[in-house]
Amino acid sequence: MSDPEAQARLQSLLDRLEDARGRLEAAEDSEAAVDVLQDLVQLGKEVQAEIERQKREGPAGAPD
């Protein structure tokens, strides 16, 4: 995968995942932890959508 846009999307998802991990570790109460977990659910949906996008588009530079 050499598509710069795809790489940027994946990097953004990874950054958001790392941010959520840090927020979850820092959560001081169950309500804060639940908020982070809800964010992770949404992030998981976005990751799945990106996986599906990559499957549809196939490898970058592949012949049509």
PDB file of N, CA and C in Angstrom:
ATOM      1  N   MET A   1       0.851  -1.173   0.000  1.00  0.00           N
ATOM      2  CA  MET A   1       0.000   0.000   0.000  1.00  0.00           C
ATOM      3  C   MET A   1       0.893   1.231   0.000  1.00  0.00           C
ATOM      4  N   SER A   2       0.913   1.970  -1.099  1.00  0.00           N
ATOM      5  CA  SER A   2       1.739   3.159  -1.169  1.00  0.00           C
ATOM      6  C   SER A   2       0.909   4.415  -1.355  1.00  0.00           C
ATOM      7  N   ASP A   3      -0.397   4.291  -1.335  1.00  0.00           N
ATOM      8  CA  ASP A   3      -1.288   5.427  -1.479  1.00  0.00           C
ATOM      9  C   ASP A   3      -1.124   6.344  -0.265  1.00  0.00           C
ATOM     10  N   PRO A   4      -0.642   7.566  -0.474  1.00  0.00           N
ATOM     11  CA  PRO A   4      -0.429   8.472   0.672  1.00  0.00           C
ATOM     12  C   PRO A   4      -1.704   8.772   1.458  1.00  0.00           C
ATOM     13  N   GLU A   5      -2.839   8.851   0.785  1.00  0.00           N
ATOM     14  CA  GLU A   5      -4.089   9.107   1.499  1.00  0.00           C
ATOM     15  C   GLU A   5      -4.447   7.941   2.409  1.00  0.00           C
ATOM     16  N   ALA A   6      -4.274   6.726   1.920  1.00  0.00           N
ATOM     17  CA  ALA A   6      -4.567   5.543   2.737  1.00  0.00           C
ATOM     18  C   ALA A   6      -3.622   5.483   3.926  1.00  0.00           C
ATOM     19  N   GLN A   7      -2.365   5.778   3.696  1.00  0.00           N
ATOM     20  CA  GLN A   7      -1.402   5.779   4.795  1.00  0.00           C
ATOM     21  C   GLN A   7      -1.761   6.837   5.830  1.00  0.00           C
ATOM     22  N   ALA A   8      -2.195   8.000   5.372  1.00  0.00           N
ATOM     23  CA  ALA A   8      -2.585   9.066   6.300  1.00  0.00           C
ATOM     24  C   ALA A   8      -3.804   8.651   7.117  1.00  0.00           C
ATOM     25  N   ARG A   9      -4.776   7.976   6.462  1.00  0.00           N
ATOM     26  CA  ARG A   9      -5.962   7.511   7.197  1.00  0.00           C
ATOM     27  C   ARG A   9      -5.566   6.491   8.259  1.00  0.00           C
ATOM     28  N   LEU A  10      -4.701   5.567   7.890  1.00  0.00           N
ATOM     29  CA  LEU A  10      -4.268   4.545   8.845  1.00  0.00           C
ATOM     30  C   LEU A  10      -3.484   5.167   9.996  1.00  0.00           C
ATOM     31  N   GLN A  11      -2.630   6.129   9.697  1.00  0.00           N
ATOM     32  CA  GLN A  11      -1.860   6.787  10.750  1.00  0.00           C
ATOM     33  C   GLN A  11      -2.784   7.545  11.695  1.00  0.00           C
ATOM     34  N   SER A  12      -3.807   8.186  11.142  1.00  0.00           N
ATOM     35  CA  SER A  12      -4.780   8.901  11.967  1.00  0.00           C
ATOM     36  C   SER A  12      -5.510   7.942  12.903  1.00  0.00           C
ATOM     37  N   LEU A  13      -5.923   6.795  12.375  1.00  0.00           N
ATOM     38  CA  LEU A  13      -6.604   5.801  13.215  1.00  0.00           C
ATOM     39  C   LEU A  13      -5.677   5.305  14.319  1.00  0.00           C
ATOM     40  N   LEU A  14      -4.418   5.058  13.986  1.00  0.00           N
ATOM     41  CA  LEU A  14      -3.453   4.599  14.985  1.00  0.00           C
ATOM     42  C   LEU A  14      -3.240   5.663  16.064  1.00  0.00           C
ATOM     43  N   ASP A  15      -3.113   6.914  15.638  1.00  0.00           N
ATOM     44  CA  ASP A  15      -2.933   8.002  16.605  1.00  0.00           C
ATOM     45  C   ASP A  15      -4.135   8.102  17.549  1.00  0.00           C
ATOM     46  N   ARG A  16      -5.332   7.987  16.985  1.00  0.00           N
ATOM     47  CA  ARG A  16      -6.541   8.048  17.806  1.00  0.00           C
ATOM     48  C   ARG A  16      -6.618   6.871  18.771  1.00  0.00           C
ATOM     49  N   LEU A  17      -6.169   5.700  18.338  1.00  0.00           N
ATOM     50  CA  LEU A  17      -6.160   4.527  19.202  1.00  0.00           C
ATOM     51  C   LEU A  17      -5.194   4.733  20.368  1.00  0.00           C
ATOM     52  N   GLU A  18      -4.011   5.253  20.073  1.00  0.00           N
ATOM     53  CA  GLU A  18      -3.030   5.517  21.132  1.00  0.00           C
ATOM     54  C   GLU A  18      -3.560   6.566  22.111  1.00  0.00           C
ATOM     55  N   ASP A  19      -4.238   7.587  21.587  1.00  0.00           N
ATOM     56  CA  ASP A  19      -4.829   8.608  22.445  1.00  0.00           C
ATOM     57  C   ASP A  19      -5.884   7.991  23.369  1.00  0.00           C
ATOM     58  N   ALA A  20      -6.728   7.150  22.806  1.00  0.00           N
ATOM     59  CA  ALA A  20      -7.777   6.507  23.605  1.00  0.00           C
ATOM     60  C   ALA A  20      -7.171   5.605  24.676  1.00  0.00           C
ATOM     61  N   ARG A  21      -6.107   4.898  24.334  1.00  0.00           N
ATOM     62  CA  ARG A  21      -5.436   4.043  25.319  1.00  0.00           C
ATOM     63  C   ARG A  21      -4.941   4.875  26.496  1.00  0.00           C
ATOM     64  N   GLY A  22      -4.320   6.002  26.187  1.00  0.00           N
ATOM     65  CA  GLY A  22      -3.833   6.883  27.246  1.00  0.00           C
ATOM     66  C   GLY A  22      -4.957   7.433  28.103  1.00  0.00           C
ATOM     67  N   ARG A  23      -6.058   7.818  27.462  1.00  0.00           N
ATOM     68  CA  ARG A  23      -7.208   8.333  28.220  1.00  0.00           C
ATOM     69  C   ARG A  23      -7.818   7.249  29.093  1.00  0.00           C
ATOM     70  N   LEU A  24      -7.847   6.012  28.583  1.00  0.00           N
ATOM     71  CA  LEU A  24      -8.412   4.916  29.372  1.00  0.00           C
ATOM     72  C   LEU A  24      -7.538   4.636  30.593  1.00  0.00           C
ATOM     73  N   GLU A  25      -6.227   4.646  30.391  1.00  0.00           N
ATOM     74  CA  GLU A  25      -5.319   4.429  31.519  1.00  0.00           C
ATOM     75  C   GLU A  25      -5.448   5.538  32.562  1.00  0.00           C
ATOM     76  N   ALA A  26      -5.737   6.755  32.107  1.00  0.00           N
ATOM     77  CA  ALA A  26      -5.824   7.897  33.019  1.00  0.00           C
ATOM     78  C   ALA A  26      -7.215   8.084  33.617  1.00  0.00           C
ATOM     79  N   ALA A  27      -8.183   7.317  33.147  1.00  0.00           N
ATOM     80  CA  ALA A  27      -9.560   7.480  33.635  1.00  0.00           C
ATOM     81  C   ALA A  27      -9.603   7.240  35.135  1.00  0.00           C
ATOM     82  N   GLU A  28     -10.191   8.196  35.835  1.00  0.00           N
ATOM     83  CA  GLU A  28     -10.235   8.111  37.290  1.00  0.00           C
ATOM     84  C   GLU A  28     -11.539   7.555  37.831  1.00  0.00           C
ATOM     85  N   ASP A  29     -12.534   7.423  36.956  1.00  0.00           N
ATOM     86  CA  ASP A  29     -13.791   6.848  37.421  1.00  0.00           C
ATOM     87  C   ASP A  29     -14.419   6.046  36.288  1.00  0.00           C
ATOM     88  N   SER A  30     -15.431   5.301  36.646  1.00  0.00           N
ATOM     89  CA  SER A  30     -16.050   4.413  35.662  1.00  0.00           C
ATOM     90  C   SER A  30     -16.738   5.187  34.541  1.00  0.00           C
ATOM     91  N   GLU A  31     -17.275   6.354  34.834  1.00  0.00           N
ATOM     92  CA  GLU A  31     -17.954   7.145  33.800  1.00  0.00           C
ATOM     93  C   GLU A  31     -16.956   7.592  32.726  1.00  0.00           C
ATOM     94  N   ALA A  32     -15.790   8.019  33.154  1.00  0.00           N
ATOM     95  CA  ALA A  32     -14.756   8.421  32.194  1.00  0.00           C
ATOM     96  C   ALA A  32     -14.303   7.217  31.360  1.00  0.00           C
ATOM     97  N   ALA A  33     -14.172   6.072  31.994  1.00  0.00           N
ATOM     98  CA  ALA A  33     -13.761   4.861  31.284  1.00  0.00           C
ATOM     99  C   ALA A  33     -14.823   4.455  30.257  1.00  0.00           C
ATOM    100  N   VAL A  34     -16.090   4.570  30.620  1.00  0.00           N
ATOM    101  CA  VAL A  34     -17.171   4.235  29.692  1.00  0.00           C
ATOM    102  C   VAL A  34     -17.143   5.171  28.491  1.00  0.00           C
ATOM    103  N   ASP A  35     -16.879   6.450  28.718  1.00  0.00           N
ATOM    104  CA  ASP A  35     -16.784   7.406  27.608  1.00  0.00           C
ATOM    105  C   ASP A  35     -15.683   7.000  26.632  1.00  0.00           C
ATOM    106  N   VAL A  36     -14.538   6.609  27.173  1.00  0.00           N
ATOM    107  CA  VAL A  36     -13.426   6.186  26.318  1.00  0.00           C
ATOM    108  C   VAL A  36     -13.801   4.909  25.570  1.00  0.00           C
ATOM    109  N   LEU A  37     -14.442   3.980  26.242  1.00  0.00           N
ATOM    110  CA  LEU A  37     -14.842   2.735  25.594  1.00  0.00           C
ATOM    111  C   LEU A  37     -15.838   2.998  24.467  1.00  0.00           C
ATOM    112  N   GLN A  38     -16.727   3.960  24.651  1.00  0.00           N
ATOM    113  CA  GLN A  38     -17.653   4.323  23.581  1.00  0.00           C
ATOM    114  C   GLN A  38     -16.890   4.896  22.386  1.00  0.00           C
ATOM    115  N   ASP A  39     -15.866   5.701  22.675  1.00  0.00           N
ATOM    116  CA  ASP A  39     -15.022   6.214  21.598  1.00  0.00           C
ATOM    117  C   ASP A  39     -14.327   5.070  20.867  1.00  0.00           C
ATOM    118  N   LEU A  40     -13.895   4.062  21.625  1.00  0.00           N
ATOM    119  CA  LEU A  40     -13.226   2.917  21.015  1.00  0.00           C
ATOM    120  C   LEU A  40     -14.166   2.110  20.124  1.00  0.00           C
ATOM    121  N   VAL A  41     -15.427   2.037  20.506  1.00  0.00           N
ATOM    122  CA  VAL A  41     -16.417   1.352  19.663  1.00  0.00           C
ATOM    123  C   VAL A  41     -16.519   2.069  18.316  1.00  0.00           C
ATOM    124  N   GLN A  42     -16.614   3.396  18.362  1.00  0.00           N
ATOM    125  CA  GLN A  42     -16.695   4.176  17.129  1.00  0.00           C
ATOM    126  C   GLN A  42     -15.414   4.017  16.315  1.00  0.00           C
ATOM    127  N   LEU A  43     -14.293   4.048  16.981  1.00  0.00           N
ATOM    128  CA  LEU A  43     -13.018   3.878  16.297  1.00  0.00           C
ATOM    129  C   LEU A  43     -12.938   2.503  15.639  1.00  0.00           C
ATOM    130  N   GLY A  44     -13.436   1.488  16.312  1.00  0.00           N
ATOM    131  CA  GLY A  44     -13.465   0.143  15.736  1.00  0.00           C
ATOM    132  C   GLY A  44     -14.281   0.096  14.461  1.00  0.00           C
ATOM    133  N   LYS A  45     -15.392   0.815  14.439  1.00  0.00           N
ATOM    134  CA  LYS A  45     -16.213   0.877  13.230  1.00  0.00           C
ATOM    135  C   LYS A  45     -15.458   1.556  12.097  1.00  0.00           C
ATOM    136  N   GLU A  46     -14.725   2.598  12.427  1.00  0.00           N
ATOM    137  CA  GLU A  46     -13.950   3.297  11.411  1.00  0.00           C
ATOM    138  C   GLU A  46     -12.803   2.431  10.887  1.00  0.00           C
ATOM    139  N   VAL A  47     -12.180   1.664  11.780  1.00  0.00           N
ATOM    140  CA  VAL A  47     -11.128   0.733  11.357  1.00  0.00           C
ATOM    141  C   VAL A  47     -11.709  -0.304  10.403  1.00  0.00           C
ATOM    142  N   GLN A  48     -12.870  -0.847  10.745  1.00  0.00           N
ATOM    143  CA  GLN A  48     -13.514  -1.838   9.874  1.00  0.00           C
ATOM    144  C   GLN A  48     -13.836  -1.235   8.515  1.00  0.00           C
ATOM    145  N   ALA A  49     -14.320   0.007   8.505  1.00  0.00           N
ATOM    146  CA  ALA A  49     -14.625   0.677   7.241  1.00  0.00           C
ATOM    147  C   ALA A  49     -13.357   0.867   6.409  1.00  0.00           C
ATOM    148  N   GLU A  50     -12.257   1.188   7.062  1.00  0.00           N
ATOM    149  CA  GLU A  50     -10.985   1.356   6.336  1.00  0.00           C
ATOM    150  C   GLU A  50     -10.505   0.021   5.779  1.00  0.00           C
ATOM    151  N   ILE A  51     -10.670  -1.042   6.538  1.00  0.00           N
ATOM    152  CA  ILE A  51     -10.300  -2.378   6.046  1.00  0.00           C
ATOM    153  C   ILE A  51     -11.110  -2.715   4.803  1.00  0.00           C
ATOM    154  N   GLU A  52     -12.403  -2.460   4.862  1.00  0.00           N
ATOM    155  CA  GLU A  52     -13.259  -2.731   3.702  1.00  0.00           C
ATOM    156  C   GLU A  52     -12.859  -1.871   2.504  1.00  0.00           C
ATOM    157  N   ARG A  53     -12.520  -0.608   2.753  1.00  0.00           N
ATOM    158  CA  ARG A  53     -12.080   0.287   1.680  1.00  0.00           C
ATOM    159  C   ARG A  53     -10.815  -0.266   1.029  1.00  0.00           C
ATOM    160  N   GLN A  54      -9.877  -0.713   1.853  1.00  0.00           N
ATOM    161  CA  GLN A  54      -8.627  -1.255   1.328  1.00  0.00           C
ATOM    162  C   GLN A  54      -8.868  -2.524   0.514  1.00  0.00           C
ATOM    163  N   LYS A  55      -9.799  -3.349   0.954  1.00  0.00           N
ATOM    164  CA  LYS A  55     -10.120  -4.563   0.213  1.00  0.00           C
ATOM    165  C   LYS A  55     -10.717  -4.225  -1.155  1.00  0.00           C
ATOM    166  N   ARG A  56     -11.600  -3.223  -1.180  1.00  0.00           N
ATOM    167  CA  ARG A  56     -12.223  -2.821  -2.455  1.00  0.00           C
ATOM    168  C   ARG A  56     -11.192  -2.233  -3.414  1.00  0.00           C
ATOM    169  N   GLU A  57     -10.311  -1.397  -2.870  1.00  0.00           N
ATOM    170  CA  GLU A  57      -9.348  -0.708  -3.726  1.00  0.00           C
ATOM    171  C   GLU A  57      -8.214  -1.625  -4.137  1.00  0.00           C
ATOM    172  N   GLY A  58      -7.952  -2.647  -3.350  1.00  0.00           N
ATOM    173  CA  GLY A  58      -6.884  -3.578  -3.673  1.00  0.00           C
ATOM    174  C   GLY A  58      -5.513  -2.938  -3.477  1.00  0.00           C
ATOM    175  N   PRO A  59      -4.484  -3.688  -3.804  1.00  0.00           N
ATOM    176  CA  PRO A  59      -3.127  -3.180  -3.648  1.00  0.00           C
ATOM    177  C   PRO A  59      -2.880  -1.982  -4.563  1.00  0.00           C
ATOM    178  N   ALA A  60      -2.188  -1.008  -4.055  1.00  0.00           N
ATOM    179  CA  ALA A  60      -1.868   0.176  -4.872  1.00  0.00           C
ATOM    180  C   ALA A  60      -0.995  -0.239  -6.042  1.00  0.00           C
ATOM    181  N   GLY A  61      -1.304   0.268  -7.190  1.00  0.00           N
ATOM    182  CA  GLY A  61      -0.522  -0.016  -8.371  1.00  0.00           C
ATOM    183  C   GLY A  61      -0.851  -1.325  -9.047  1.00  0.00           C
ATOM    184  N   ALA A  62      -1.849  -2.059  -8.544  1.00  0.00           N
ATOM    185  CA  ALA A  62      -2.221  -3.328  -9.177  1.00  0.00           C
ATOM    186  C   ALA A  62      -2.922  -3.048 -10.490  1.00  0.00           C
ATOM    187  N   PRO A  63      -2.688  -3.866 -11.499  1.00  0.00           N
ATOM    188  CA  PRO A  63      -3.387  -3.668 -12.776  1.00  0.00           C
ATOM    189  C   PRO A  63      -4.884  -3.899 -12.617  1.00  0.00           C
ATOM    190  N   ASP A  64      -5.669  -3.129 -13.386  1.00  0.00           N
ATOM    191  CA  ASP A  64      -7.129  -3.258 -13.310  1.00  0.00           C
ATOM    192  C   ASP A  64      -7.645  -4.457 -14.036  1.00  0.00           C
TER     193      ASP A  64
END
